[in-house]
Amino acid sequence: MTACATGRRLSVLSDDVAEKTARDWEGITDFSIRHFEEMKLILDKEEPDYRD
């Protein structure tokens, strides 16, 4: 299988890495809120005019 944007073969994670990642994600509450706050911090730094 290839990635659409690059045409390169996809790298598939090992089962161990996938399981650890899934466990880590389960521990994050309110992910969408935290993600949005991080995006605003990036915008504040890189494009502060967005607040105008």
PDB file of N, CA and C in Angstrom:
ATOM      1  N   MET A   1       0.849  -1.171   0.000  1.00  0.00           N
ATOM      2  CA  MET A   1       0.000   0.000   0.000  1.00  0.00           C
ATOM      3  C   MET A   1       0.898   1.239   0.000  1.00  0.00           C
ATOM      4  N   THR A   2       0.487   2.276  -0.714  1.00  0.00           N
ATOM      5  CA  THR A   2       1.270   3.507  -0.761  1.00  0.00           C
ATOM      6  C   THR A   2       0.475   4.657  -0.159  1.00  0.00           C
ATOM      7  N   ALA A   3       1.220   5.649   0.320  1.00  0.00           N
ATOM      8  CA  ALA A   3       0.589   6.862   0.833  1.00  0.00           C
ATOM      9  C   ALA A   3       0.171   7.717  -0.359  1.00  0.00           C
ATOM     10  N   CYS A   4      -0.996   8.268  -0.313  1.00  0.00           N
ATOM     11  CA  CYS A   4      -1.517   9.029  -1.450  1.00  0.00           C
ATOM     12  C   CYS A   4      -0.665  10.247  -1.782  1.00  0.00           C
ATOM     13  N   ALA A   5      -0.265  11.015  -0.796  1.00  0.00           N
ATOM     14  CA  ALA A   5       0.436  12.269  -1.062  1.00  0.00           C
ATOM     15  C   ALA A   5       1.855  12.058  -1.565  1.00  0.00           C
ATOM     16  N   THR A   6       2.530  11.026  -1.097  1.00  0.00           N
ATOM     17  CA  THR A   6       3.940  10.853  -1.437  1.00  0.00           C
ATOM     18  C   THR A   6       4.181   9.744  -2.444  1.00  0.00           C
ATOM     19  N   GLY A   7       3.275   8.795  -2.517  1.00  0.00           N
ATOM     20  CA  GLY A   7       3.481   7.656  -3.383  1.00  0.00           C
ATOM     21  C   GLY A   7       4.450   6.642  -2.798  1.00  0.00           C
ATOM     22  N   ARG A   8       4.979   6.921  -1.626  1.00  0.00           N
ATOM     23  CA  ARG A   8       5.918   5.994  -0.977  1.00  0.00           C
ATOM     24  C   ARG A   8       5.146   4.940  -0.198  1.00  0.00           C
ATOM     25  N   ARG A   9       5.814   3.836   0.057  1.00  0.00           N
ATOM     26  CA  ARG A   9       5.191   2.774   0.843  1.00  0.00           C
ATOM     27  C   ARG A   9       4.949   3.255   2.263  1.00  0.00           C
ATOM     28  N   LEU A  10       3.834   2.822   2.834  1.00  0.00           N
ATOM     29  CA  LEU A  10       3.509   3.177   4.212  1.00  0.00           C
ATOM     30  C   LEU A  10       4.388   2.401   5.178  1.00  0.00           C
ATOM     31  N   SER A  11       4.768   3.048   6.253  1.00  0.00           N
ATOM     32  CA  SER A  11       5.481   2.370   7.329  1.00  0.00           C
ATOM     33  C   SER A  11       4.447   1.910   8.350  1.00  0.00           C
ATOM     34  N   VAL A  12       4.442   0.645   8.641  1.00  0.00           N
ATOM     35  CA  VAL A  12       3.480   0.087   9.584  1.00  0.00           C
ATOM     36  C   VAL A  12       4.188  -0.136  10.914  1.00  0.00           C
ATOM     37  N   LEU A  13       3.568   0.373  11.974  1.00  0.00           N
ATOM     38  CA  LEU A  13       4.141   0.226  13.310  1.00  0.00           C
ATOM     39  C   LEU A  13       4.041  -1.221  13.780  1.00  0.00           C
ATOM     40  N   SER A  14       4.967  -1.579  14.644  1.00  0.00           N
ATOM     41  CA  SER A  14       4.877  -2.910  15.250  1.00  0.00           C
ATOM     42  C   SER A  14       3.675  -2.938  16.187  1.00  0.00           C
ATOM     43  N   ASP A  15       3.201  -4.128  16.492  1.00  0.00           N
ATOM     44  CA  ASP A  15       2.067  -4.265  17.410  1.00  0.00           C
ATOM     45  C   ASP A  15       2.391  -3.651  18.771  1.00  0.00           C
ATOM     46  N   ASP A  16       3.624  -3.833  19.252  1.00  0.00           N
ATOM     47  CA  ASP A  16       4.009  -3.276  20.548  1.00  0.00           C
ATOM     48  C   ASP A  16       3.921  -1.751  20.562  1.00  0.00           C
ATOM     49  N   VAL A  17       4.440  -1.118  19.521  1.00  0.00           N
ATOM     50  CA  VAL A  17       4.404   0.347  19.439  1.00  0.00           C
ATOM     51  C   VAL A  17       2.958   0.834  19.302  1.00  0.00           C
ATOM     52  N   ALA A  18       2.168   0.161  18.496  1.00  0.00           N
ATOM     53  CA  ALA A  18       0.765   0.549  18.326  1.00  0.00           C
ATOM     54  C   ALA A  18       0.006   0.421  19.638  1.00  0.00           C
ATOM     55  N   GLU A  19       0.246  -0.647  20.375  1.00  0.00           N
ATOM     56  CA  GLU A  19      -0.433  -0.855  21.659  1.00  0.00           C
ATOM     57  C   GLU A  19      -0.031   0.212  22.669  1.00  0.00           C
ATOM     58  N   LYS A  20       1.274   0.531  22.741  1.00  0.00           N
ATOM     59  CA  LYS A  20       1.737   1.560  23.671  1.00  0.00           C
ATOM     60  C   LYS A  20       1.125   2.912  23.312  1.00  0.00           C
ATOM     61  N   THR A  21       1.078   3.224  22.028  1.00  0.00           N
ATOM     62  CA  THR A  21       0.488   4.489  21.584  1.00  0.00           C
ATOM     63  C   THR A  21      -0.985   4.552  21.963  1.00  0.00           C
ATOM     64  N   ALA A  22      -1.703   3.465  21.761  1.00  0.00           N
ATOM     65  CA  ALA A  22      -3.123   3.426  22.121  1.00  0.00           C
ATOM     66  C   ALA A  22      -3.307   3.636  23.620  1.00  0.00           C
ATOM     67  N   ARG A  23      -2.469   2.989  24.427  1.00  0.00           N
ATOM     68  CA  ARG A  23      -2.564   3.178  25.889  1.00  0.00           C
ATOM     69  C   ARG A  23      -2.285   4.619  26.270  1.00  0.00           C
ATOM     70  N   ASP A  24      -1.278   5.225  25.630  1.00  0.00           N
ATOM     71  CA  ASP A  24      -0.953   6.623  25.922  1.00  0.00           C
ATOM     72  C   ASP A  24      -2.120   7.545  25.572  1.00  0.00           C
ATOM     73  N   TRP A  25      -2.754   7.329  24.418  1.00  0.00           N
ATOM     74  CA  TRP A  25      -3.877   8.169  24.007  1.00  0.00           C
ATOM     75  C   TRP A  25      -5.061   8.018  24.950  1.00  0.00           C
ATOM     76  N   GLU A  26      -5.273   6.826  25.476  1.00  0.00           N
ATOM     77  CA  GLU A  26      -6.394   6.610  26.386  1.00  0.00           C
ATOM     78  C   GLU A  26      -6.243   7.424  27.659  1.00  0.00           C
ATOM     79  N   GLY A  27      -5.008   7.772  28.012  1.00  0.00           N
ATOM     80  CA  GLY A  27      -4.765   8.543  29.224  1.00  0.00           C
ATOM     81  C   GLY A  27      -4.972  10.036  29.063  1.00  0.00           C
ATOM     82  N   ILE A  28      -5.228  10.479  27.851  1.00  0.00           N
ATOM     83  CA  ILE A  28      -5.411  11.905  27.607  1.00  0.00           C
ATOM     84  C   ILE A  28      -6.897  12.235  27.650  1.00  0.00           C
ATOM     85  N   THR A  29      -7.265  13.095  28.589  1.00  0.00           N
ATOM     86  CA  THR A  29      -8.654  13.544  28.662  1.00  0.00           C
ATOM     87  C   THR A  29      -8.754  14.928  28.041  1.00  0.00           C
ATOM     88  N   ASP A  30      -9.896  15.236  27.527  1.00  0.00           N
ATOM     89  CA  ASP A  30     -10.149  16.529  26.897  1.00  0.00           C
ATOM     90  C   ASP A  30      -9.128  16.835  25.814  1.00  0.00           C
ATOM     91  N   PHE A  31      -8.807  15.839  25.001  1.00  0.00           N
ATOM     92  CA  PHE A  31      -7.792  16.011  23.963  1.00  0.00           C
ATOM     93  C   PHE A  31      -8.113  17.180  23.044  1.00  0.00           C
ATOM     94  N   SER A  32      -9.363  17.285  22.606  1.00  0.00           N
ATOM     95  CA  SER A  32      -9.697  18.330  21.638  1.00  0.00           C
ATOM     96  C   SER A  32      -9.461  19.717  22.212  1.00  0.00           C
ATOM     97  N   ILE A  33      -9.764  19.907  23.472  1.00  0.00           N
ATOM     98  CA  ILE A  33      -9.532  21.203  24.113  1.00  0.00           C
ATOM     99  C   ILE A  33      -8.038  21.475  24.220  1.00  0.00           C
ATOM    100  N   ARG A  34      -7.279  20.490  24.654  1.00  0.00           N
ATOM    101  CA  ARG A  34      -5.830  20.668  24.772  1.00  0.00           C
ATOM    102  C   ARG A  34      -5.196  20.921  23.414  1.00  0.00           C
ATOM    103  N   HIS A  35      -5.663  20.225  22.393  1.00  0.00           N
ATOM    104  CA  HIS A  35      -5.138  20.413  21.049  1.00  0.00           C
ATOM    105  C   HIS A  35      -5.415  21.840  20.564  1.00  0.00           C
ATOM    106  N   PHE A  36      -6.627  22.315  20.775  1.00  0.00           N
ATOM    107  CA  PHE A  36      -6.997  23.662  20.356  1.00  0.00           C
ATOM    108  C   PHE A  36      -6.149  24.710  21.082  1.00  0.00           C
ATOM    109  N   GLU A  37      -5.914  24.518  22.370  1.00  0.00           N
ATOM    110  CA  GLU A  37      -5.076  25.447  23.123  1.00  0.00           C
ATOM    111  C   GLU A  37      -3.649  25.476  22.581  1.00  0.00           C
ATOM    112  N   GLU A  38      -3.119  24.321  22.215  1.00  0.00           N
ATOM    113  CA  GLU A  38      -1.777  24.262  21.626  1.00  0.00           C
ATOM    114  C   GLU A  38      -1.741  24.966  20.277  1.00  0.00           C
ATOM    115  N   MET A  39      -2.791  24.789  19.480  1.00  0.00           N
ATOM    116  CA  MET A  39      -2.846  25.461  18.187  1.00  0.00           C
ATOM    117  C   MET A  39      -2.874  26.977  18.367  1.00  0.00           C
ATOM    118  N   LYS A  40      -3.601  27.455  19.365  1.00  0.00           N
ATOM    119  CA  LYS A  40      -3.635  28.899  19.614  1.00  0.00           C
ATOM    120  C   LYS A  40      -2.260  29.416  20.039  1.00  0.00           C
ATOM    121  N   LEU A  41      -1.520  28.634  20.822  1.00  0.00           N
ATOM    122  CA  LEU A  41      -0.166  29.054  21.205  1.00  0.00           C
ATOM    123  C   LEU A  41       0.731  29.192  19.978  1.00  0.00           C
ATOM    124  N   ILE A  42       0.605  28.251  19.052  1.00  0.00           N
ATOM    125  CA  ILE A  42       1.392  28.328  17.817  1.00  0.00           C
ATOM    126  C   ILE A  42       0.987  29.564  17.019  1.00  0.00           C
ATOM    127  N   LEU A  43      -0.310  29.796  16.897  1.00  0.00           N
ATOM    128  CA  LEU A  43      -0.775  30.978  16.171  1.00  0.00           C
ATOM    129  C   LEU A  43      -0.315  32.262  16.845  1.00  0.00           C
ATOM    130  N   ASP A  44      -0.370  32.310  18.178  1.00  0.00           N
ATOM    131  CA  ASP A  44       0.097  33.496  18.893  1.00  0.00           C
ATOM    132  C   ASP A  44       1.540  33.809  18.541  1.00  0.00           C
ATOM    133  N   LYS A  45       2.335  32.789  18.400  1.00  0.00           N
ATOM    134  CA  LYS A  45       3.756  32.965  18.103  1.00  0.00           C
ATOM    135  C   LYS A  45       4.001  33.285  16.635  1.00  0.00           C
ATOM    136  N   GLU A  46       3.333  32.552  15.741  1.00  0.00           N
ATOM    137  CA  GLU A  46       3.642  32.645  14.322  1.00  0.00           C
ATOM    138  C   GLU A  46       2.764  33.615  13.544  1.00  0.00           C
ATOM    139  N   GLU A  47       1.523  33.792  13.960  1.00  0.00           N
ATOM    140  CA  GLU A  47       0.566  34.651  13.239  1.00  0.00           C
ATOM    141  C   GLU A  47      -0.309  35.415  14.241  1.00  0.00           C
ATOM    142  N   PRO A  48       0.283  36.292  15.044  1.00  0.00           N
ATOM    143  CA  PRO A  48      -0.493  36.957  16.103  1.00  0.00           C
ATOM    144  C   PRO A  48      -1.647  37.823  15.593  1.00  0.00           C
ATOM    145  N   ASP A  49      -1.630  38.190  14.314  1.00  0.00           N
ATOM    146  CA  ASP A  49      -2.707  39.018  13.772  1.00  0.00           C
ATOM    147  C   ASP A  49      -4.043  38.298  13.715  1.00  0.00           C
ATOM    148  N   TYR A  50      -4.065  36.985  13.903  1.00  0.00           N
ATOM    149  CA  TYR A  50      -5.334  36.259  13.818  1.00  0.00           C
ATOM    150  C   TYR A  50      -6.325  36.733  14.867  1.00  0.00           C
ATOM    151  N   ARG A  51      -5.836  37.349  15.927  1.00  0.00           N
ATOM    152  CA  ARG A  51      -6.732  37.801  17.010  1.00  0.00           C
ATOM    153  C   ARG A  51      -7.425  39.124  16.683  1.00  0.00           C
ATOM    154  N   ASP A  52      -6.977  39.807  15.660  1.00  0.00           N
ATOM    155  CA  ASP A  52      -7.576  41.118  15.326  1.00  0.00           C
ATOM    156  C   ASP A  52      -8.964  40.996  14.766  1.00  0.00           C
TER     157      ASP A  52
END
